[in-house]
PDB file of N, CA and C in Angstrom:
ATOM      1  N   MET A   1       8.678  21.743   2.820  1.00  0.00           N
ATOM      2  CA  MET A   1       8.961  20.455   2.215  1.00  0.00           C
ATOM      3  C   MET A   1       9.415  20.697   0.777  1.00  0.00           C
ATOM      4  N   SER A   2      10.530  20.088   0.410  1.00  0.00           N
ATOM      5  CA  SER A   2      10.977  20.222  -0.971  1.00  0.00           C
ATOM      6  C   SER A   2      10.154  19.292  -1.850  1.00  0.00           C
ATOM      7  N   GLN A   3      10.055  19.660  -3.093  1.00  0.00           N
ATOM      8  CA  GLN A   3       9.252  18.883  -4.029  1.00  0.00           C
ATOM      9  C   GLN A   3      10.076  18.520  -5.245  1.00  0.00           C
ATOM     10  N   THR A   4       9.594  17.511  -5.940  1.00  0.00           N
ATOM     11  CA  THR A   4      10.226  17.082  -7.172  1.00  0.00           C
ATOM     12  C   THR A   4       9.136  16.832  -8.202  1.00  0.00           C
ATOM     13  N   THR A   5       9.535  16.691  -9.410  1.00  0.00           N
ATOM     14  CA  THR A   5       8.601  16.394 -10.482  1.00  0.00           C
ATOM     15  C   THR A   5       8.862  14.986 -10.980  1.00  0.00           C
ATOM     16  N   ILE A   6       7.803  14.206 -11.094  1.00  0.00           N
ATOM     17  CA  ILE A   6       7.941  12.872 -11.689  1.00  0.00           C
ATOM     18  C   ILE A   6       7.060  12.830 -12.931  1.00  0.00           C
ATOM     19  N   GLN A   7       7.528  12.130 -13.920  1.00  0.00           N
ATOM     20  CA  GLN A   7       6.767  12.039 -15.156  1.00  0.00           C
ATOM     21  C   GLN A   7       5.950  10.754 -15.146  1.00  0.00           C
ATOM     22  N   VAL A   8       4.672  10.906 -15.434  1.00  0.00           N
ATOM     23  CA  VAL A   8       3.783   9.762 -15.584  1.00  0.00           C
ATOM     24  C   VAL A   8       2.982   9.972 -16.858  1.00  0.00           C
ATOM     25  N   SER A   9       2.488   8.879 -17.383  1.00  0.00           N
ATOM     26  CA  SER A   9       1.675   9.000 -18.595  1.00  0.00           C
ATOM     27  C   SER A   9       0.350   9.680 -18.249  1.00  0.00           C
ATOM     28  N   LYS A  10      -0.315  10.188 -19.263  1.00  0.00           N
ATOM     29  CA  LYS A  10      -1.624  10.812 -19.042  1.00  0.00           C
ATOM     30  C   LYS A  10      -2.608   9.789 -18.490  1.00  0.00           C
ATOM     31  N   GLU A  11      -2.495   8.548 -18.936  1.00  0.00           N
ATOM     32  CA  GLU A  11      -3.374   7.485 -18.433  1.00  0.00           C
ATOM     33  C   GLU A  11      -3.161   7.290 -16.929  1.00  0.00           C
ATOM     34  N   THR A  12      -1.903   7.259 -16.505  1.00  0.00           N
ATOM     35  CA  THR A  12      -1.603   7.098 -15.078  1.00  0.00           C
ATOM     36  C   THR A  12      -2.130   8.286 -14.285  1.00  0.00           C
ATOM     37  N   ARG A  13      -1.951   9.477 -14.802  1.00  0.00           N
ATOM     38  CA  ARG A  13      -2.457  10.677 -14.131  1.00  0.00           C
ATOM     39  C   ARG A  13      -3.970  10.607 -13.964  1.00  0.00           C
ATOM     40  N   GLU A  14      -4.665  10.161 -14.983  1.00  0.00           N
ATOM     41  CA  GLU A  14      -6.127  10.043 -14.907  1.00  0.00           C
ATOM     42  C   GLU A  14      -6.534   8.982 -13.886  1.00  0.00           C
ATOM     43  N   ARG A  15      -5.794   7.903 -13.841  1.00  0.00           N
ATOM     44  CA  ARG A  15      -6.094   6.846 -12.860  1.00  0.00           C
ATOM     45  C   ARG A  15      -5.862   7.344 -11.437  1.00  0.00           C
ATOM     46  N   LEU A  16      -4.796   8.123 -11.240  1.00  0.00           N
ATOM     47  CA  LEU A  16      -4.543   8.716  -9.920  1.00  0.00           C
ATOM     48  C   LEU A  16      -5.667   9.670  -9.535  1.00  0.00           C
ATOM     49  N   LYS A  17      -6.126  10.458 -10.493  1.00  0.00           N
ATOM     50  CA  LYS A  17      -7.229  11.398 -10.246  1.00  0.00           C
ATOM     51  C   LYS A  17      -8.461  10.665  -9.736  1.00  0.00           C
ATOM     52  N   LYS A  18      -8.755   9.521 -10.348  1.00  0.00           N
ATOM     53  CA  LYS A  18      -9.936   8.750  -9.961  1.00  0.00           C
ATOM     54  C   LYS A  18      -9.800   8.137  -8.573  1.00  0.00           C
ATOM     55  N   LEU A  19      -8.585   7.907  -8.142  1.00  0.00           N
ATOM     56  CA  LEU A  19      -8.369   7.328  -6.812  1.00  0.00           C
ATOM     57  C   LEU A  19      -8.444   8.376  -5.706  1.00  0.00           C
ATOM     58  N   GLY A  20      -8.215   9.625  -6.064  1.00  0.00           N
ATOM     59  CA  GLY A  20      -8.197  10.683  -5.062  1.00  0.00           C
ATOM     60  C   GLY A  20      -9.580  11.221  -4.756  1.00  0.00           C
ATOM     61  N   ARG A  21      -9.652  11.930  -3.634  1.00  0.00           N
ATOM     62  CA  ARG A  21     -10.873  12.612  -3.242  1.00  0.00           C
ATOM     63  C   ARG A  21     -10.741  14.093  -3.587  1.00  0.00           C
ATOM     64  N   LYS A  22     -11.858  14.780  -3.624  1.00  0.00           N
ATOM     65  CA  LYS A  22     -11.856  16.205  -3.941  1.00  0.00           C
ATOM     66  C   LYS A  22     -10.943  16.948  -2.970  1.00  0.00           C
ATOM     67  N   GLY A  23     -10.062  17.769  -3.519  1.00  0.00           N
ATOM     68  CA  GLY A  23      -9.153  18.553  -2.703  1.00  0.00           C
ATOM     69  C   GLY A  23      -7.875  17.832  -2.313  1.00  0.00           C
ATOM     70  N   GLN A  24      -7.791  16.557  -2.632  1.00  0.00           N
ATOM     71  CA  GLN A  24      -6.601  15.779  -2.279  1.00  0.00           C
ATOM     72  C   GLN A  24      -5.523  15.985  -3.347  1.00  0.00           C
ATOM     73  N   THR A  25      -4.290  16.131  -2.905  1.00  0.00           N
ATOM     74  CA  THR A  25      -3.190  16.313  -3.847  1.00  0.00           C
ATOM     75  C   THR A  25      -2.721  14.954  -4.371  1.00  0.00           C
ATOM     76  N   TYR A  26      -1.981  15.000  -5.475  1.00  0.00           N
ATOM     77  CA  TYR A  26      -1.401  13.767  -5.994  1.00  0.00           C
ATOM     78  C   TYR A  26      -0.454  13.154  -4.961  1.00  0.00           C
ATOM     79  N   ASP A  27       0.258  13.989  -4.235  1.00  0.00           N
ATOM     80  CA  ASP A  27       1.162  13.505  -3.202  1.00  0.00           C
ATOM     81  C   ASP A  27       0.389  12.706  -2.154  1.00  0.00           C
ATOM     82  N   GLU A  28      -0.749  13.210  -1.735  1.00  0.00           N
ATOM     83  CA  GLU A  28      -1.572  12.496  -0.747  1.00  0.00           C
ATOM     84  C   GLU A  28      -2.102  11.183  -1.307  1.00  0.00           C
ATOM     85  N   VAL A  29      -2.518  11.191  -2.562  1.00  0.00           N
ATOM     86  CA  VAL A  29      -3.012   9.962  -3.196  1.00  0.00           C
ATOM     87  C   VAL A  29      -1.899   8.926  -3.238  1.00  0.00           C
ATOM     88  N   ILE A  30      -0.716   9.339  -3.643  1.00  0.00           N
ATOM     89  CA  ILE A  30       0.420   8.411  -3.731  1.00  0.00           C
ATOM     90  C   ILE A  30       0.810   7.909  -2.351  1.00  0.00           C
ATOM     91  N   GLN A  31       0.808   8.783  -1.342  1.00  0.00           N
ATOM     92  CA  GLN A  31       1.121   8.343   0.021  1.00  0.00           C
ATOM     93  C   GLN A  31       0.113   7.293   0.503  1.00  0.00           C
ATOM     94  N   ASN A  32      -1.174   7.505   0.198  1.00  0.00           N
ATOM     95  CA  ASN A  32      -2.185   6.507   0.570  1.00  0.00           C
ATOM     96  C   ASN A  32      -1.943   5.180  -0.128  1.00  0.00           C
ATOM     97  N   LEU A  33      -1.580   5.238  -1.403  1.00  0.00           N
ATOM     98  CA  LEU A  33      -1.297   4.006  -2.147  1.00  0.00           C
ATOM     99  C   LEU A  33      -0.092   3.272  -1.564  1.00  0.00           C
ATOM    100  N   ILE A  34       0.918   4.019  -1.151  1.00  0.00           N
ATOM    101  CA  ILE A  34       2.104   3.411  -0.529  1.00  0.00           C
ATOM    102  C   ILE A  34       1.709   2.716   0.770  1.00  0.00           C
ATOM    103  N   GLU A  35       0.884   3.364   1.575  1.00  0.00           N
ATOM    104  CA  GLU A  35       0.444   2.776   2.848  1.00  0.00           C
ATOM    105  C   GLU A  35      -0.381   1.511   2.614  1.00  0.00           C
ATOM    106  N   ILE A  36      -1.270   1.549   1.634  1.00  0.00           N
ATOM    107  CA  ILE A  36      -2.065   0.366   1.297  1.00  0.00           C
ATOM    108  C   ILE A  36      -1.155  -0.761   0.848  1.00  0.00           C
ATOM    109  N   SER A  37      -0.167  -0.445   0.025  1.00  0.00           N
ATOM    110  CA  SER A  37       0.781  -1.451  -0.453  1.00  0.00           C
ATOM    111  C   SER A  37       1.588  -2.042   0.698  1.00  0.00           C
ATOM    112  N   ARG A  38       2.025  -1.189   1.625  1.00  0.00           N
ATOM    113  CA  ARG A  38       2.799  -1.643   2.778  1.00  0.00           C
ATOM    114  C   ARG A  38       1.984  -2.610   3.630  1.00  0.00           C
ATOM    115  N   LYS A  39       0.710  -2.280   3.855  1.00  0.00           N
ATOM    116  CA  LYS A  39      -0.164  -3.167   4.633  1.00  0.00           C
ATOM    117  C   LYS A  39      -0.408  -4.487   3.904  1.00  0.00           C
ATOM    118  N   ALA A  40      -0.611  -4.419   2.604  1.00  0.00           N
ATOM    119  CA  ALA A  40      -0.837  -5.638   1.821  1.00  0.00           C
ATOM    120  C   ALA A  40       0.387  -6.546   1.880  1.00  0.00           C
ATOM    121  N   MET A  41       1.587  -5.965   1.785  1.00  0.00           N
ATOM    122  CA  MET A  41       2.811  -6.771   1.870  1.00  0.00           C
ATOM    123  C   MET A  41       2.930  -7.424   3.249  1.00  0.00           C
ATOM    124  N   PHE A  42       2.562  -6.687   4.303  1.00  0.00           N
ATOM    125  CA  PHE A  42       2.604  -7.222   5.661  1.00  0.00           C
ATOM    126  C   PHE A  42       1.680  -8.435   5.780  1.00  0.00           C
ATOM    127  N   PHE A  43       0.427  -8.292   5.318  1.00  0.00           N
ATOM    128  CA  PHE A  43      -0.520  -9.401   5.426  1.00  0.00           C
ATOM    129  C   PHE A  43      -0.140 -10.564   4.509  1.00  0.00           C
ATOM    130  N   ASN A  44       0.432 -10.285   3.360  1.00  0.00           N
ATOM    131  CA  ASN A  44       0.921 -11.359   2.493  1.00  0.00           C
ATOM    132  C   ASN A  44       2.041 -12.137   3.182  1.00  0.00           C
ATOM    133  N   GLU A  45       2.911 -11.418   3.891  1.00  0.00           N
ATOM    134  CA  GLU A  45       3.990 -12.084   4.630  1.00  0.00           C
ATOM    135  C   GLU A  45       3.422 -12.920   5.776  1.00  0.00           C
ATOM    136  N   LEU A  46       2.411 -12.412   6.467  1.00  0.00           N
ATOM    137  CA  LEU A  46       1.765 -13.209   7.520  1.00  0.00           C
ATOM    138  C   LEU A  46       1.171 -14.486   6.935  1.00  0.00           C
ATOM    139  N   ASP A  47       0.499 -14.362   5.800  1.00  0.00           N
ATOM    140  CA  ASP A  47      -0.077 -15.544   5.140  1.00  0.00           C
ATOM    141  C   ASP A  47       1.016 -16.538   4.769  1.00  0.00           C
ATOM    142  N   ARG A  48       2.126 -16.031   4.236  1.00  0.00           N
ATOM    143  CA  ARG A  48       3.228 -16.923   3.852  1.00  0.00           C
ATOM    144  C   ARG A  48       3.774 -17.646   5.081  1.00  0.00           C
ATOM    145  N   ILE A  49       3.943 -16.924   6.173  1.00  0.00           N
ATOM    146  CA  ILE A  49       4.472 -17.539   7.396  1.00  0.00           C
ATOM    147  C   ILE A  49       3.520 -18.605   7.922  1.00  0.00           C
ATOM    148  N   THR A  50       2.234 -18.289   7.972  1.00  0.00           N
ATOM    149  CA  THR A  50       1.289 -19.270   8.509  1.00  0.00           C
ATOM    150  C   THR A  50       1.158 -20.485   7.592  1.00  0.00           C
ATOM    151  N   ASP A  51       1.403 -20.306   6.300  1.00  0.00           N
ATOM    152  CA  ASP A  51       1.338 -21.430   5.368  1.00  0.00           C
ATOM    153  C   ASP A  51       2.587 -22.307   5.398  1.00  0.00           C
ATOM    154  N   THR A  52       3.734 -21.738   5.776  1.00  0.00           N
ATOM    155  CA  THR A  52       4.978 -22.487   5.649  1.00  0.00           C
ATOM    156  C   THR A  52       5.660 -22.809   6.972  1.00  0.00           C
ATOM    157  N   GLU A  53       5.259 -22.181   8.056  1.00  0.00           N
ATOM    158  CA  GLU A  53       5.925 -22.397   9.340  1.00  0.00           C
ATOM    159  C   GLU A  53       5.049 -23.248  10.246  1.00  0.00           C
ATOM    160  N   GLU A  54       5.699 -23.898  11.194  1.00  0.00           N
ATOM    161  CA  GLU A  54       4.973 -24.682  12.177  1.00  0.00           C
ATOM    162  C   GLU A  54       4.882 -23.870  13.465  1.00  0.00           C
ATOM    163  N   PHE A  55       3.651 -23.733  13.963  1.00  0.00           N
ATOM    164  CA  PHE A  55       3.438 -22.964  15.164  1.00  0.00           C
ATOM    165  C   PHE A  55       2.933 -23.863  16.276  1.00  0.00           C
ATOM    166  N   VAL A  56       3.267 -23.503  17.495  1.00  0.00           N
ATOM    167  CA  VAL A  56       2.776 -24.218  18.679  1.00  0.00           C
ATOM    168  C   VAL A  56       1.710 -23.337  19.302  1.00  0.00           C
ATOM    169  N   PRO A  57       0.480 -23.852  19.407  1.00  0.00           N
ATOM    170  CA  PRO A  57      -0.581 -23.043  20.012  1.00  0.00           C
ATOM    171  C   PRO A  57      -0.232 -22.650  21.452  1.00  0.00           C
ATOM    172  N   LEU A  58      -0.557 -21.447  21.840  1.00  0.00           N
ATOM    173  CA  LEU A  58      -0.268 -20.957  23.191  1.00  0.00           C
ATOM    174  C   LEU A  58      -1.200 -21.534  24.244  1.00  0.00           C
ATOM    175  N   ASP A  59      -2.364 -22.020  23.840  1.00  0.00           N
ATOM    176  CA  ASP A  59      -3.329 -22.506  24.817  1.00  0.00           C
ATOM    177  C   ASP A  59      -3.189 -23.998  25.124  1.00  0.00           C
ATOM    178  N   GLU A  60      -2.222 -24.692  24.547  1.00  0.00           N
ATOM    179  CA  GLU A  60      -2.003 -26.106  24.855  1.00  0.00           C
ATOM    180  C   GLU A  60      -1.282 -26.261  26.175  1.00  0.00           C
ATOM    181  N   LYS A  61      -1.649 -27.284  26.927  1.00  0.00           N
ATOM    182  CA  LYS A  61      -0.981 -27.550  28.210  1.00  0.00           C
ATOM    183  C   LYS A  61      -0.146 -28.794  28.124  1.00  0.00           C
TER     184      LYS A  61
END
C-alpha cells in the first residue's frame, strides 16, 4: 500500500492519539472515524426522510 504524509496540528495529533487504541495506527484511527461519519450521515439522511416524506404503512389493508 502506498502512503502519503498529511500535516495536522499537534493538537489534532494528540486528539487522534486519544481516540486510538494501543497498537492502532493513525491510519486505522482515521479509517474508523470515516466509517463512523459515514454511518452518522446515513442515519441523519434517514431522519430527514422520515421527517419530510410521507410514507404508507405496509401493514394497512
